Amino acid sequence: MQVYELLDYLHAKPATATVPFTLSDPHCDRGDYANLAFCKEDVPSTVADLIAVIEAAKGQTFEGYKGGDFRMSDWTDVYIGDSSYDCGEPATFLWLDAVMPTGKDN
């Protein structure tokens, strides 16, 4: 999933919907520095909070773990990990559907 796909998915949800996690620490993924990775923390947040974190990372340049500068864009692949020291897992629609609110409670 690329950044624009993740943002499109989130923009289709209510901005005030609560999610059981937050995304933080945007960085280059350890598996491929050209990919944008976020740490997933088990701290509740809102869809609007997630969008803000992702939007803030767009256009930013991050240093790879072993060097090099990598600029993130709408077409950058997105990975989710537990920390900036591990290789994240690709963000997918299947994962999002499993972790996002259905709208029935929000």
C-alpha atoms as a PDB file:
ATOM      1  CA  MET A   1       0.000   0.000   0.000  1.00  0.00           C
ATOM      2  CA  GLN A   2       1.302   3.413  -0.889  1.00  0.00           C
ATOM      3  CA  VAL A   3       0.916   6.626   1.095  1.00  0.00           C
ATOM      4  CA  TYR A   4      -1.878   7.984  -1.104  1.00  0.00           C
ATOM      5  CA  GLU A   5      -3.853   4.715  -0.772  1.00  0.00           C
ATOM      6  CA  LEU A   6      -3.542   4.803   3.012  1.00  0.00           C
ATOM      7  CA  LEU A   7      -4.668   8.434   3.121  1.00  0.00           C
ATOM      8  CA  ASP A   8      -7.596   7.767   0.768  1.00  0.00           C
ATOM      9  CA  TYR A   9      -8.682   4.890   3.007  1.00  0.00           C
ATOM     10  CA  LEU A  10      -8.477   7.020   6.151  1.00  0.00           C
ATOM     11  CA  HIS A  11     -10.216  10.033   4.590  1.00  0.00           C
ATOM     12  CA  ALA A  12     -13.192   7.747   3.886  1.00  0.00           C
ATOM     13  CA  LYS A  13     -13.589   7.156   7.648  1.00  0.00           C
ATOM     14  CA  PRO A  14     -15.079   9.612  10.146  1.00  0.00           C
ATOM     15  CA  ALA A  15     -12.260  11.897  11.307  1.00  0.00           C
ATOM     16  CA  THR A  16     -13.370  11.636  14.932  1.00  0.00           C
ATOM     17  CA  ALA A  17     -13.542   7.828  14.940  1.00  0.00           C
ATOM     18  CA  THR A  18     -11.396   6.342  17.680  1.00  0.00           C
ATOM     19  CA  VAL A  19      -8.791   3.748  16.756  1.00  0.00           C
ATOM     20  CA  PRO A  20      -6.995   1.510  19.287  1.00  0.00           C
ATOM     21  CA  PHE A  21      -3.511   2.625  18.229  1.00  0.00           C
ATOM     22  CA  THR A  22      -1.480   5.565  17.048  1.00  0.00           C
ATOM     23  CA  LEU A  23       1.273   5.886  14.469  1.00  0.00           C
ATOM     24  CA  SER A  24       4.498   7.650  15.407  1.00  0.00           C
ATOM     25  CA  ASP A  25       8.170   7.981  14.550  1.00  0.00           C
ATOM     26  CA  PRO A  26       8.078   8.109  10.740  1.00  0.00           C
ATOM     27  CA  HIS A  27      11.338   6.715   9.356  1.00  0.00           C
ATOM     28  CA  CYS A  28      12.909   4.650   6.598  1.00  0.00           C
ATOM     29  CA  ASP A  29      11.961   0.994   6.903  1.00  0.00           C
ATOM     30  CA  ARG A  30      14.928  -1.201   7.826  1.00  0.00           C
ATOM     31  CA  GLY A  31      14.029  -3.722   5.090  1.00  0.00           C
ATOM     32  CA  ASP A  32      14.124  -1.124   2.298  1.00  0.00           C
ATOM     33  CA  TYR A  33      15.121   2.422   3.127  1.00  0.00           C
ATOM     34  CA  ALA A  34      13.032   3.797   0.249  1.00  0.00           C
ATOM     35  CA  ASN A  35       9.878   2.700   2.125  1.00  0.00           C
ATOM     36  CA  LEU A  36       8.168   4.842   4.746  1.00  0.00           C
ATOM     37  CA  ALA A  37       7.640   3.137   8.082  1.00  0.00           C
ATOM     38  CA  PHE A  38       5.753   4.112  11.212  1.00  0.00           C
ATOM     39  CA  CYS A  39       5.812   2.692  14.712  1.00  0.00           C
ATOM     40  CA  LYS A  40       2.445   1.408  15.887  1.00  0.00           C
ATOM     41  CA  GLU A  41       1.805   2.167  19.536  1.00  0.00           C
ATOM     42  CA  ASP A  42      -1.066   0.749  21.560  1.00  0.00           C
ATOM     43  CA  VAL A  43      -2.338   4.206  22.477  1.00  0.00           C
ATOM     44  CA  PRO A  44      -5.834   5.199  21.330  1.00  0.00           C
ATOM     45  CA  SER A  45      -6.084   8.024  18.809  1.00  0.00           C
ATOM     46  CA  THR A  46      -8.449   9.225  16.107  1.00  0.00           C
ATOM     47  CA  VAL A  47      -8.503   8.849  12.354  1.00  0.00           C
ATOM     48  CA  ALA A  48      -7.667  12.563  12.138  1.00  0.00           C
ATOM     49  CA  ASP A  49      -4.567  11.958  14.297  1.00  0.00           C
ATOM     50  CA  LEU A  50      -3.388   9.188  11.968  1.00  0.00           C
ATOM     51  CA  ILE A  51      -3.934  11.373   8.910  1.00  0.00           C
ATOM     52  CA  ALA A  52      -1.928  14.201  10.502  1.00  0.00           C
ATOM     53  CA  VAL A  53       1.055  11.942  11.230  1.00  0.00           C
ATOM     54  CA  ILE A  54       1.076  10.526   7.708  1.00  0.00           C
ATOM     55  CA  GLU A  55       0.619  13.933   6.039  1.00  0.00           C
ATOM     56  CA  ALA A  56       3.503  15.345   8.095  1.00  0.00           C
ATOM     57  CA  ALA A  57       5.825  12.618   6.782  1.00  0.00           C
ATOM     58  CA  LYS A  58       5.010  13.277   3.127  1.00  0.00           C
ATOM     59  CA  GLY A  59       7.706  15.267   1.403  1.00  0.00           C
ATOM     60  CA  GLN A  60      10.151  14.670   4.248  1.00  0.00           C
ATOM     61  CA  THR A  61      13.601  13.207   3.727  1.00  0.00           C
ATOM     62  CA  PHE A  62      14.717  10.520   6.163  1.00  0.00           C
ATOM     63  CA  GLU A  63      18.148   9.014   6.623  1.00  0.00           C
ATOM     64  CA  GLY A  64      18.470   5.267   6.068  1.00  0.00           C
ATOM     65  CA  TYR A  65      19.747   3.142   8.935  1.00  0.00           C
ATOM     66  CA  LYS A  66      23.099   2.686   7.173  1.00  0.00           C
ATOM     67  CA  GLY A  67      23.065   6.097   5.526  1.00  0.00           C
ATOM     68  CA  GLY A  68      21.591   7.760   2.488  1.00  0.00           C
ATOM     69  CA  ASP A  69      18.706  10.190   2.218  1.00  0.00           C
ATOM     70  CA  PHE A  70      15.258   9.030   1.142  1.00  0.00           C
ATOM     71  CA  ARG A  71      12.417  11.407   0.297  1.00  0.00           C
ATOM     72  CA  MET A  72       8.889  10.177   0.992  1.00  0.00           C
ATOM     73  CA  SER A  73       5.994  10.907  -1.373  1.00  0.00           C
ATOM     74  CA  ASP A  74       2.428   9.832  -2.147  1.00  0.00           C
ATOM     75  CA  TRP A  75       3.845   6.860  -4.069  1.00  0.00           C
ATOM     76  CA  THR A  76       6.072   5.566  -1.289  1.00  0.00           C
ATOM     77  CA  ASP A  77       5.195   2.131   0.117  1.00  0.00           C
ATOM     78  CA  VAL A  78       4.113   2.141   3.783  1.00  0.00           C
ATOM     79  CA  TYR A  79       5.244  -0.281   6.481  1.00  0.00           C
ATOM     80  CA  ILE A  80       4.136  -0.623  10.098  1.00  0.00           C
ATOM     81  CA  GLY A  81       6.490  -1.870  12.820  1.00  0.00           C
ATOM     82  CA  ASP A  82       6.947  -2.027  16.556  1.00  0.00           C
ATOM     83  CA  SER A  83      10.021   0.191  16.534  1.00  0.00           C
ATOM     84  CA  SER A  84      12.380   1.971  14.175  1.00  0.00           C
ATOM     85  CA  TYR A  85      14.925  -0.796  14.833  1.00  0.00           C
ATOM     86  CA  ASP A  86      13.027  -3.603  13.104  1.00  0.00           C
ATOM     87  CA  CYS A  87      11.682  -4.327   9.635  1.00  0.00           C
ATOM     88  CA  GLY A  88       8.023  -3.414   9.493  1.00  0.00           C
ATOM     89  CA  GLU A  89       5.173  -5.288   7.871  1.00  0.00           C
ATOM     90  CA  PRO A  90       3.527  -3.829   4.776  1.00  0.00           C
ATOM     91  CA  ALA A  91       0.383  -1.808   5.457  1.00  0.00           C
ATOM     92  CA  THR A  92      -2.461  -3.576   3.634  1.00  0.00           C
ATOM     93  CA  PHE A  93      -6.192  -3.106   3.193  1.00  0.00           C
ATOM     94  CA  LEU A  94      -6.728  -6.420   4.995  1.00  0.00           C
ATOM     95  CA  TRP A  95      -4.795  -5.145   8.034  1.00  0.00           C
ATOM     96  CA  LEU A  96      -6.632  -1.817   7.990  1.00  0.00           C
ATOM     97  CA  ASP A  97     -10.024  -3.518   7.807  1.00  0.00           C
ATOM     98  CA  ALA A  98      -9.069  -5.619  10.838  1.00  0.00           C
ATOM     99  CA  VAL A  99      -7.888  -2.733  13.024  1.00  0.00           C
ATOM    100  CA  MET A 100     -10.130   0.157  12.003  1.00  0.00           C
ATOM    101  CA  PRO A 101     -13.529   0.947  13.521  1.00  0.00           C
ATOM    102  CA  THR A 102     -16.521  -0.177  11.498  1.00  0.00           C
ATOM    103  CA  GLY A 103     -18.424   3.070  11.969  1.00  0.00           C
ATOM    104  CA  LYS A 104     -21.201   1.357  13.937  1.00  0.00           C
ATOM    105  CA  ASP A 105     -19.749   2.550  17.257  1.00  0.00           C
ATOM    106  CA  ASN A 106     -18.296   5.860  16.067  1.00  0.00           C
END
